[in-house]
Amino acid sequence: GQSILITEGDQWARQRRLVQPAFHPRRFEEYGRTIVSIVRQLIDSWASSVDRDGFVEIDADRVMTSLTLRIICKT
C-alpha cells in the first residue's frame, strides 16, 4: 500500500530521500564486488558436483532464487 513505487507527493519525496543514498554511483562499485564474490562462492560450491563430462546438474529456479536473495540481503 505505501511503497515508493506507488506513492505520490510528499510521501514519495520522503521515501525517495530515505533510499537515495543506496543508489549513489560510488556505492555500485562495492555492490559489484559483493555480487562477484557471492557468485564465485556459488560456483566454487559446485566443484564437488562436477560429473565426468564437466557438467553440474542444478535446480536453476532454486539456485537463482537463492542467489538473488543472498545478493539482495548482502547489498
N, C-alpha and C. Protein backbone atom coordinates (compact mmCIF):
# COMPACT_ATOMS: atom_id res chain seq x y z
N GLY A 1 0.73 -1.20 0.00
CA GLY A 1 0.00 0.00 0.00
C GLY A 1 0.78 1.29 0.00
N GLN A 2 1.93 1.35 0.69
CA GLN A 2 2.65 2.62 0.82
C GLN A 2 4.04 2.55 0.19
N SER A 3 4.22 1.70 -0.81
CA SER A 3 5.51 1.52 -1.46
C SER A 3 5.94 2.79 -2.21
N ILE A 4 7.23 2.99 -2.28
CA ILE A 4 7.78 4.12 -3.04
C ILE A 4 7.39 4.02 -4.51
N LEU A 5 7.10 2.81 -4.96
CA LEU A 5 6.73 2.61 -6.36
C LEU A 5 5.34 3.14 -6.69
N ILE A 6 4.49 3.27 -5.68
CA ILE A 6 3.11 3.68 -5.98
C ILE A 6 2.65 4.93 -5.24
N THR A 7 3.45 5.42 -4.30
CA THR A 7 3.03 6.63 -3.59
C THR A 7 3.33 7.86 -4.43
N GLU A 8 2.78 8.97 -4.02
CA GLU A 8 2.97 10.23 -4.74
C GLU A 8 3.18 11.36 -3.75
N GLY A 9 3.56 12.50 -4.27
CA GLY A 9 3.63 13.72 -3.48
C GLY A 9 4.67 13.69 -2.38
N ASP A 10 4.30 14.28 -1.23
CA ASP A 10 5.23 14.41 -0.12
C ASP A 10 5.71 13.06 0.41
N GLN A 11 4.81 12.10 0.47
CA GLN A 11 5.20 10.78 0.97
C GLN A 11 6.25 10.14 0.04
N TRP A 12 6.05 10.26 -1.25
CA TRP A 12 7.01 9.72 -2.21
C TRP A 12 8.36 10.43 -2.04
N ALA A 13 8.34 11.75 -1.92
CA ALA A 13 9.58 12.52 -1.79
C ALA A 13 10.34 12.10 -0.53
N ARG A 14 9.63 11.89 0.57
CA ARG A 14 10.26 11.47 1.82
C ARG A 14 10.89 10.09 1.66
N GLN A 15 10.16 9.17 1.06
CA GLN A 15 10.69 7.82 0.86
C GLN A 15 11.91 7.84 -0.08
N ARG A 16 11.83 8.65 -1.11
CA ARG A 16 12.94 8.74 -2.07
C ARG A 16 14.20 9.25 -1.38
N ARG A 17 14.06 10.26 -0.54
CA ARG A 17 15.21 10.79 0.19
C ARG A 17 15.84 9.72 1.09
N LEU A 18 15.00 8.85 1.65
CA LEU A 18 15.50 7.80 2.54
C LEU A 18 16.31 6.74 1.79
N VAL A 19 15.89 6.38 0.59
CA VAL A 19 16.57 5.31 -0.14
C VAL A 19 17.65 5.82 -1.09
N GLN A 20 17.65 7.08 -1.40
CA GLN A 20 18.57 7.63 -2.39
C GLN A 20 20.04 7.32 -2.12
N PRO A 21 20.55 7.38 -0.88
CA PRO A 21 21.97 7.09 -0.67
C PRO A 21 22.39 5.69 -1.15
N ALA A 22 21.50 4.74 -1.11
CA ALA A 22 21.84 3.38 -1.55
C ALA A 22 22.09 3.31 -3.05
N PHE A 23 21.64 4.30 -3.79
CA PHE A 23 21.78 4.30 -5.25
C PHE A 23 22.80 5.32 -5.75
N HIS A 24 23.64 5.80 -4.86
CA HIS A 24 24.69 6.73 -5.26
C HIS A 24 25.71 5.96 -6.11
N PRO A 25 26.21 6.54 -7.19
CA PRO A 25 27.15 5.84 -8.08
C PRO A 25 28.35 5.23 -7.37
N ARG A 26 28.86 5.87 -6.33
CA ARG A 26 30.02 5.31 -5.61
C ARG A 26 29.69 3.98 -4.95
N ARG A 27 28.44 3.76 -4.62
CA ARG A 27 28.04 2.51 -3.97
C ARG A 27 28.07 1.33 -4.93
N PHE A 28 27.89 1.58 -6.21
CA PHE A 28 27.77 0.48 -7.17
C PHE A 28 29.06 -0.31 -7.35
N GLU A 29 30.21 0.32 -7.17
CA GLU A 29 31.47 -0.43 -7.25
C GLU A 29 31.52 -1.48 -6.14
N GLU A 30 31.13 -1.09 -4.95
CA GLU A 30 31.09 -2.03 -3.82
C GLU A 30 30.05 -3.13 -4.08
N TYR A 31 28.90 -2.75 -4.60
CA TYR A 31 27.87 -3.75 -4.91
C TYR A 31 28.41 -4.76 -5.91
N GLY A 32 29.13 -4.28 -6.91
CA GLY A 32 29.69 -5.17 -7.93
C GLY A 32 30.66 -6.17 -7.32
N ARG A 33 31.55 -5.70 -6.45
CA ARG A 33 32.50 -6.61 -5.78
C ARG A 33 31.76 -7.65 -4.95
N THR A 34 30.71 -7.23 -4.27
CA THR A 34 29.93 -8.14 -3.44
C THR A 34 29.25 -9.20 -4.31
N ILE A 35 28.66 -8.78 -5.40
CA ILE A 35 27.98 -9.71 -6.30
C ILE A 35 28.96 -10.73 -6.86
N VAL A 36 30.11 -10.26 -7.32
CA VAL A 36 31.12 -11.17 -7.86
C VAL A 36 31.56 -12.18 -6.80
N SER A 37 31.77 -11.74 -5.59
CA SER A 37 32.18 -12.63 -4.51
C SER A 37 31.13 -13.71 -4.24
N ILE A 38 29.87 -13.31 -4.19
CA ILE A 38 28.80 -14.27 -3.93
C ILE A 38 28.67 -15.28 -5.07
N VAL A 39 28.78 -14.82 -6.30
CA VAL A 39 28.69 -15.73 -7.45
C VAL A 39 29.88 -16.69 -7.45
N ARG A 40 31.07 -16.20 -7.13
CA ARG A 40 32.24 -17.08 -7.07
C ARG A 40 32.07 -18.16 -6.00
N GLN A 41 31.50 -17.79 -4.86
CA GLN A 41 31.23 -18.78 -3.81
C GLN A 41 30.29 -19.86 -4.32
N LEU A 42 29.26 -19.44 -5.04
CA LEU A 42 28.31 -20.40 -5.59
C LEU A 42 29.00 -21.34 -6.58
N ILE A 43 29.77 -20.79 -7.48
CA ILE A 43 30.48 -21.60 -8.47
C ILE A 43 31.45 -22.57 -7.77
N ASP A 44 32.17 -22.08 -6.78
CA ASP A 44 33.09 -22.94 -6.03
C ASP A 44 32.34 -24.09 -5.34
N SER A 45 31.12 -23.82 -4.88
CA SER A 45 30.35 -24.86 -4.19
C SER A 45 29.94 -25.98 -5.15
N TRP A 46 29.94 -25.71 -6.44
CA TRP A 46 29.58 -26.73 -7.43
C TRP A 46 30.75 -27.66 -7.75
N ALA A 47 31.96 -27.30 -7.37
CA ALA A 47 33.15 -28.05 -7.77
C ALA A 47 33.04 -29.53 -7.41
N SER A 48 32.50 -29.85 -6.27
CA SER A 48 32.40 -31.25 -5.84
C SER A 48 31.29 -32.00 -6.57
N SER A 49 30.46 -31.30 -7.32
CA SER A 49 29.33 -31.91 -8.01
C SER A 49 29.57 -32.12 -9.51
N VAL A 50 30.73 -31.75 -10.00
CA VAL A 50 31.02 -31.86 -11.42
C VAL A 50 31.13 -33.34 -11.81
N ASP A 51 30.42 -33.73 -12.87
CA ASP A 51 30.48 -35.12 -13.31
C ASP A 51 31.67 -35.33 -14.25
N ARG A 52 31.83 -36.54 -14.76
CA ARG A 52 32.98 -36.87 -15.60
C ARG A 52 33.06 -36.02 -16.86
N ASP A 53 31.91 -35.54 -17.33
CA ASP A 53 31.88 -34.73 -18.55
C ASP A 53 32.03 -33.24 -18.28
N GLY A 54 32.20 -32.87 -17.01
CA GLY A 54 32.39 -31.47 -16.67
C GLY A 54 31.10 -30.71 -16.43
N PHE A 55 30.00 -31.43 -16.22
CA PHE A 55 28.70 -30.80 -16.02
C PHE A 55 28.28 -30.88 -14.56
N VAL A 56 27.43 -29.94 -14.17
CA VAL A 56 26.82 -29.93 -12.84
C VAL A 56 25.33 -29.81 -13.05
N GLU A 57 24.58 -30.71 -12.43
CA GLU A 57 23.12 -30.63 -12.52
C GLU A 57 22.61 -29.78 -11.37
N ILE A 58 21.82 -28.76 -11.71
CA ILE A 58 21.29 -27.87 -10.68
C ILE A 58 19.80 -27.65 -10.91
N ASP A 59 19.12 -27.25 -9.86
CA ASP A 59 17.74 -26.78 -9.95
C ASP A 59 17.85 -25.27 -10.14
N ALA A 60 17.82 -24.84 -11.40
CA ALA A 60 18.10 -23.44 -11.74
C ALA A 60 17.18 -22.47 -11.00
N ASP A 61 15.91 -22.81 -10.88
CA ASP A 61 14.97 -21.92 -10.19
C ASP A 61 15.38 -21.73 -8.73
N ARG A 62 15.66 -22.83 -8.05
CA ARG A 62 16.05 -22.75 -6.64
C ARG A 62 17.38 -22.02 -6.48
N VAL A 63 18.35 -22.36 -7.33
CA VAL A 63 19.68 -21.75 -7.23
C VAL A 63 19.63 -20.25 -7.50
N MET A 64 18.92 -19.85 -8.55
CA MET A 64 18.87 -18.43 -8.90
C MET A 64 18.07 -17.62 -7.87
N THR A 65 17.02 -18.22 -7.32
CA THR A 65 16.26 -17.55 -6.27
C THR A 65 17.13 -17.34 -5.05
N SER A 66 17.85 -18.38 -4.65
CA SER A 66 18.75 -18.28 -3.51
C SER A 66 19.85 -17.27 -3.75
N LEU A 67 20.44 -17.31 -4.95
CA LEU A 67 21.50 -16.36 -5.30
C LEU A 67 20.98 -14.92 -5.24
N THR A 68 19.83 -14.69 -5.83
CA THR A 68 19.24 -13.36 -5.83
C THR A 68 18.99 -12.85 -4.41
N LEU A 69 18.43 -13.70 -3.57
CA LEU A 69 18.16 -13.30 -2.19
C LEU A 69 19.45 -13.01 -1.42
N ARG A 70 20.49 -13.83 -1.64
CA ARG A 70 21.78 -13.57 -0.98
C ARG A 70 22.34 -12.22 -1.41
N ILE A 71 22.26 -11.93 -2.69
CA ILE A 71 22.78 -10.64 -3.19
C ILE A 71 21.98 -9.48 -2.63
N ILE A 72 20.67 -9.60 -2.63
CA ILE A 72 19.82 -8.53 -2.08
C ILE A 72 20.14 -8.29 -0.62
N CYS A 73 20.23 -9.36 0.15
CA CYS A 73 20.49 -9.21 1.59
C CYS A 73 21.87 -8.61 1.87
N LYS A 74 22.85 -9.01 1.09
CA LYS A 74 24.21 -8.54 1.32
C LYS A 74 24.41 -7.09 0.84
N THR A 75 23.73 -6.71 -0.23
CA THR A 75 23.92 -5.36 -0.74
C THR A 75 22.90 -4.42 -0.17
